[in-house]
Amino acid sequence: MQFVQLHSQSAGLAELFEEIDLLMNSLYPAEANDLVPISEIDSPQTYIIGHYDNGELVACGSFVLKEDIGVYAELKRIYVKPSQRGRGMAKAILEHLIMQTKRKKVREIKLETGDQQTAAIKLYESFGFRHCGAFGQYNAEPSSVFMQLVLDDGQQ
């Protein structure tokens, strides 16, 4: 599976972000959604990749380097279009993002997802992510699920 690094003007990215936003806003109240706007993805703290199929951007994933109590990478915008699911793309995106955090010498990855995204939660758990409390800018919302992964040199 081939991934390319994206930027705010990448073909299809605005449309994919709109699709993600529509989904998240249909599942959760607006105050529970902390979606990285497209205008912020060109920040040097943000790393975002995507996969194109026949010229169409069908998947993406990113992390943002943050500092709270130490530096960590926060996963954001991991998404695969429904027509592309079941092919291992989300797993490949996650593997790639973990590898990139290790290259940047970041040893902790955190994320916030929603309780209705059970497939995503199971995927994160399969990679060793564990449930944790709210972090950074987040407040504990009833629908929020917070997870973290502490990397060591033996993990992929």
C-alpha atoms as a PDB file:
ATOM      1  CA  MET A   1       0.000   0.000   0.000  1.00  0.00           C
ATOM      2  CA  GLN A   2       1.453   3.316  -1.096  1.00  0.00           C
ATOM      3  CA  PHE A   3       1.086   6.418   1.047  1.00  0.00           C
ATOM      4  CA  VAL A   4       1.984   9.959   0.113  1.00  0.00           C
ATOM      5  CA  GLN A   5       2.541  12.874   2.423  1.00  0.00           C
ATOM      6  CA  LEU A   6      -0.253  15.401   2.051  1.00  0.00           C
ATOM      7  CA  HIS A   7      -0.596  19.153   2.485  1.00  0.00           C
ATOM      8  CA  SER A   8      -3.600  21.463   2.660  1.00  0.00           C
ATOM      9  CA  GLN A   9      -3.830  21.792  -1.139  1.00  0.00           C
ATOM     10  CA  SER A  10      -3.563  18.052  -1.903  1.00  0.00           C
ATOM     11  CA  ALA A  11      -6.117  16.825  -4.420  1.00  0.00           C
ATOM     12  CA  GLY A  12      -9.233  15.526  -2.710  1.00  0.00           C
ATOM     13  CA  LEU A  13      -8.189  16.419   0.841  1.00  0.00           C
ATOM     14  CA  ALA A  14     -10.798  19.135   1.408  1.00  0.00           C
ATOM     15  CA  GLU A  15     -13.542  16.762   0.232  1.00  0.00           C
ATOM     16  CA  LEU A  16     -12.253  13.928   2.432  1.00  0.00           C
ATOM     17  CA  PHE A  17     -12.092  16.227   5.478  1.00  0.00           C
ATOM     18  CA  GLU A  18     -15.662  17.326   4.750  1.00  0.00           C
ATOM     19  CA  GLU A  19     -16.749  13.672   4.648  1.00  0.00           C
ATOM     20  CA  ILE A  20     -15.021  13.012   7.974  1.00  0.00           C
ATOM     21  CA  ASP A  21     -16.584  16.103   9.556  1.00  0.00           C
ATOM     22  CA  LEU A  22     -20.068  15.117   8.375  1.00  0.00           C
ATOM     23  CA  LEU A  23     -19.651  11.643   9.857  1.00  0.00           C
ATOM     24  CA  MET A  24     -18.302  12.879  13.194  1.00  0.00           C
ATOM     25  CA  ASN A  25     -20.987  15.554  13.476  1.00  0.00           C
ATOM     26  CA  SER A  26     -23.672  12.935  12.796  1.00  0.00           C
ATOM     27  CA  LEU A  27     -22.334  10.682  15.562  1.00  0.00           C
ATOM     28  CA  TYR A  28     -21.400  13.154  18.302  1.00  0.00           C
ATOM     29  CA  PRO A  29     -22.383  16.621  19.541  1.00  0.00           C
ATOM     30  CA  ALA A  30     -20.277  19.457  18.108  1.00  0.00           C
ATOM     31  CA  GLU A  31     -18.653  20.208  21.474  1.00  0.00           C
ATOM     32  CA  ALA A  32     -17.325  16.631  21.588  1.00  0.00           C
ATOM     33  CA  ASN A  33     -15.559  16.922  18.210  1.00  0.00           C
ATOM     34  CA  ASP A  34     -11.991  18.231  18.086  1.00  0.00           C
ATOM     35  CA  LEU A  35     -11.297  18.022  14.377  1.00  0.00           C
ATOM     36  CA  VAL A  36      -8.033  19.408  12.989  1.00  0.00           C
ATOM     37  CA  PRO A  37      -9.020  21.980  10.361  1.00  0.00           C
ATOM     38  CA  ILE A  38      -7.387  21.728   6.962  1.00  0.00           C
ATOM     39  CA  SER A  39      -5.765  25.122   7.525  1.00  0.00           C
ATOM     40  CA  GLU A  40      -3.624  23.640  10.324  1.00  0.00           C
ATOM     41  CA  ILE A  41      -2.200  20.611   8.560  1.00  0.00           C
ATOM     42  CA  ASP A  42       0.698  22.505   6.993  1.00  0.00           C
ATOM     43  CA  SER A  43       2.093  23.167  10.470  1.00  0.00           C
ATOM     44  CA  PRO A  44       5.558  21.684  11.037  1.00  0.00           C
ATOM     45  CA  GLN A  45       4.051  19.842  14.025  1.00  0.00           C
ATOM     46  CA  THR A  46       1.624  17.932  11.780  1.00  0.00           C
ATOM     47  CA  TYR A  47       2.388  14.868   9.671  1.00  0.00           C
ATOM     48  CA  ILE A  48      -0.384  13.654   7.351  1.00  0.00           C
ATOM     49  CA  ILE A  49      -0.490  10.885   4.785  1.00  0.00           C
ATOM     50  CA  GLY A  50      -3.032   9.642   2.312  1.00  0.00           C
ATOM     51  CA  HIS A  51      -3.713   6.849  -0.139  1.00  0.00           C
ATOM     52  CA  TYR A  52      -5.011   7.461  -3.668  1.00  0.00           C
ATOM     53  CA  ASP A  53      -6.919   4.834  -5.643  1.00  0.00           C
ATOM     54  CA  ASN A  54      -7.286   5.653  -9.337  1.00  0.00           C
ATOM     55  CA  GLY A  55      -6.628   9.318  -8.608  1.00  0.00           C
ATOM     56  CA  GLU A  56      -9.136   9.554  -5.739  1.00  0.00           C
ATOM     57  CA  LEU A  57      -7.997  10.215  -2.172  1.00  0.00           C
ATOM     58  CA  VAL A  58      -9.651   7.340  -0.294  1.00  0.00           C
ATOM     59  CA  ALA A  59      -7.868   7.327   3.079  1.00  0.00           C
ATOM     60  CA  CYS A  60      -5.808   9.525   5.345  1.00  0.00           C
ATOM     61  CA  GLY A  61      -4.225   9.638   8.763  1.00  0.00           C
ATOM     62  CA  SER A  62      -2.136  12.072  10.727  1.00  0.00           C
ATOM     63  CA  PHE A  63      -0.491  12.935  13.971  1.00  0.00           C
ATOM     64  CA  VAL A  64       0.228  16.236  15.629  1.00  0.00           C
ATOM     65  CA  LEU A  65       3.249  16.607  17.892  1.00  0.00           C
ATOM     66  CA  LYS A  66       2.164  18.124  21.193  1.00  0.00           C
ATOM     67  CA  GLU A  67       3.596  18.788  24.606  1.00  0.00           C
ATOM     68  CA  ASP A  68       1.735  18.385  27.855  1.00  0.00           C
ATOM     69  CA  ILE A  69       3.766  16.501  30.416  1.00  0.00           C
ATOM     70  CA  GLY A  70       6.414  15.559  27.877  1.00  0.00           C
ATOM     71  CA  VAL A  71       6.206  15.350  24.086  1.00  0.00           C
ATOM     72  CA  TYR A  72       3.708  13.006  22.462  1.00  0.00           C
ATOM     73  CA  ALA A  73       2.073  12.432  19.099  1.00  0.00           C
ATOM     74  CA  GLU A  74      -1.699  12.721  18.938  1.00  0.00           C
ATOM     75  CA  LEU A  75      -3.362  10.674  16.215  1.00  0.00           C
ATOM     76  CA  LYS A  76      -5.931  12.596  14.184  1.00  0.00           C
ATOM     77  CA  ARG A  77      -8.054  12.143  11.081  1.00  0.00           C
ATOM     78  CA  ILE A  78      -7.535   8.412  10.568  1.00  0.00           C
ATOM     79  CA  TYR A  79     -10.177   7.628   7.997  1.00  0.00           C
ATOM     80  CA  VAL A  80     -10.891   5.172   5.205  1.00  0.00           C
ATOM     81  CA  LYS A  81     -13.794   5.712   2.804  1.00  0.00           C
ATOM     82  CA  PRO A  82     -16.516   3.062   3.289  1.00  0.00           C
ATOM     83  CA  SER A  83     -15.934   1.670  -0.237  1.00  0.00           C
ATOM     84  CA  GLN A  84     -12.299   0.914   0.681  1.00  0.00           C
ATOM     85  CA  ARG A  85     -12.807  -0.680   4.098  1.00  0.00           C
ATOM     86  CA  GLY A  86     -11.955  -4.287   4.836  1.00  0.00           C
ATOM     87  CA  ARG A  87      -8.656  -4.184   2.927  1.00  0.00           C
ATOM     88  CA  GLY A  88      -6.347  -3.509   5.856  1.00  0.00           C
ATOM     89  CA  MET A  89      -5.869   0.144   4.964  1.00  0.00           C
ATOM     90  CA  ALA A  90      -6.541   1.518   8.472  1.00  0.00           C
ATOM     91  CA  LYS A  91      -4.058  -0.974   9.901  1.00  0.00           C
ATOM     92  CA  ALA A  92      -1.448   0.067   7.324  1.00  0.00           C
ATOM     93  CA  ILE A  93      -2.028   3.760   8.092  1.00  0.00           C
ATOM     94  CA  LEU A  94      -1.607   3.110  11.806  1.00  0.00           C
ATOM     95  CA  GLU A  95       1.585   1.096  11.233  1.00  0.00           C
ATOM     96  CA  HIS A  96       3.001   3.910   9.109  1.00  0.00           C
ATOM     97  CA  LEU A  97       2.140   6.616  11.642  1.00  0.00           C
ATOM     98  CA  ILE A  98       3.671   4.614  14.497  1.00  0.00           C
ATOM     99  CA  MET A  99       6.847   4.120  12.443  1.00  0.00           C
ATOM    100  CA  GLN A 100       7.047   7.871  11.763  1.00  0.00           C
ATOM    101  CA  THR A 101       6.621   8.761  15.433  1.00  0.00           C
ATOM    102  CA  LYS A 102       9.488   6.424  16.265  1.00  0.00           C
ATOM    103  CA  ARG A 103      11.644   8.099  13.607  1.00  0.00           C
ATOM    104  CA  LYS A 104      10.958  11.412  15.328  1.00  0.00           C
ATOM    105  CA  LYS A 105      12.041   9.824  18.627  1.00  0.00           C
ATOM    106  CA  VAL A 106       8.564  10.266  20.094  1.00  0.00           C
ATOM    107  CA  ARG A 107       7.778   7.454  22.484  1.00  0.00           C
ATOM    108  CA  GLU A 108       4.152   8.122  23.391  1.00  0.00           C
ATOM    109  CA  ILE A 109       1.105   8.255  21.144  1.00  0.00           C
ATOM    110  CA  LYS A 110      -2.290   9.404  22.369  1.00  0.00           C
ATOM    111  CA  LEU A 111      -5.697   9.656  20.772  1.00  0.00           C
ATOM    112  CA  GLU A 112      -9.269  10.601  21.430  1.00  0.00           C
ATOM    113  CA  THR A 113     -12.023   8.770  19.622  1.00  0.00           C
ATOM    114  CA  GLY A 114     -15.710   8.198  20.164  1.00  0.00           C
ATOM    115  CA  ASP A 115     -17.499   5.352  21.886  1.00  0.00           C
ATOM    116  CA  GLN A 116     -19.512   4.586  18.735  1.00  0.00           C
ATOM    117  CA  GLN A 117     -16.357   3.795  16.742  1.00  0.00           C
ATOM    118  CA  THR A 118     -15.961   0.273  18.044  1.00  0.00           C
ATOM    119  CA  ALA A 119     -13.994  -1.028  15.037  1.00  0.00           C
ATOM    120  CA  ALA A 120     -11.442   1.762  15.484  1.00  0.00           C
ATOM    121  CA  ILE A 121     -11.173   1.078  19.217  1.00  0.00           C
ATOM    122  CA  LYS A 122     -10.565  -2.628  18.544  1.00  0.00           C
ATOM    123  CA  LEU A 123      -7.886  -1.752  15.989  1.00  0.00           C
ATOM    124  CA  TYR A 124      -6.117   0.541  18.456  1.00  0.00           C
ATOM    125  CA  GLU A 125      -6.312  -2.124  21.171  1.00  0.00           C
ATOM    126  CA  SER A 126      -4.782  -4.679  18.764  1.00  0.00           C
ATOM    127  CA  PHE A 127      -1.756  -2.367  18.481  1.00  0.00           C
ATOM    128  CA  GLY A 128      -1.410  -2.206  22.264  1.00  0.00           C
ATOM    129  CA  PHE A 129      -3.192   1.066  22.937  1.00  0.00           C
ATOM    130  CA  ARG A 130      -4.644   1.217  26.438  1.00  0.00           C
ATOM    131  CA  HIS A 131      -7.472   3.325  27.775  1.00  0.00           C
ATOM    132  CA  CYS A 132      -6.386   6.411  29.700  1.00  0.00           C
ATOM    133  CA  GLY A 133      -7.817   9.630  31.058  1.00  0.00           C
ATOM    134  CA  ALA A 134      -8.395  12.903  29.232  1.00  0.00           C
ATOM    135  CA  PHE A 135      -5.240  14.719  28.188  1.00  0.00           C
ATOM    136  CA  GLY A 136      -4.124  18.021  26.676  1.00  0.00           C
ATOM    137  CA  GLN A 137      -6.981  20.288  25.659  1.00  0.00           C
ATOM    138  CA  TYR A 138      -9.678  17.647  26.134  1.00  0.00           C
ATOM    139  CA  ASN A 139     -12.430  17.533  28.695  1.00  0.00           C
ATOM    140  CA  ALA A 140     -13.935  14.181  29.585  1.00  0.00           C
ATOM    141  CA  GLU A 141     -17.072  13.993  27.424  1.00  0.00           C
ATOM    142  CA  PRO A 142     -19.454  11.054  27.960  1.00  0.00           C
ATOM    143  CA  SER A 143     -18.839   9.806  24.411  1.00  0.00           C
ATOM    144  CA  SER A 144     -15.049  10.262  24.443  1.00  0.00           C
ATOM    145  CA  VAL A 145     -12.612   7.377  24.591  1.00  0.00           C
ATOM    146  CA  PHE A 146      -9.001   8.275  25.372  1.00  0.00           C
ATOM    147  CA  MET A 147      -6.154   5.884  24.593  1.00  0.00           C
ATOM    148  CA  GLN A 148      -2.369   5.869  24.687  1.00  0.00           C
ATOM    149  CA  LEU A 149       0.503   3.733  23.506  1.00  0.00           C
ATOM    150  CA  VAL A 150       3.956   3.911  25.018  1.00  0.00           C
ATOM    151  CA  LEU A 151       6.503   2.774  22.461  1.00  0.00           C
ATOM    152  CA  ASP A 152       9.695   0.938  23.146  1.00  0.00           C
ATOM    153  CA  ASP A 153      12.399  -0.123  20.703  1.00  0.00           C
ATOM    154  CA  GLY A 154      10.823  -3.559  20.223  1.00  0.00           C
ATOM    155  CA  GLN A 155       7.476  -2.281  18.917  1.00  0.00           C
ATOM    156  CA  GLN A 156       6.699  -1.782  15.268  1.00  0.00           C
END
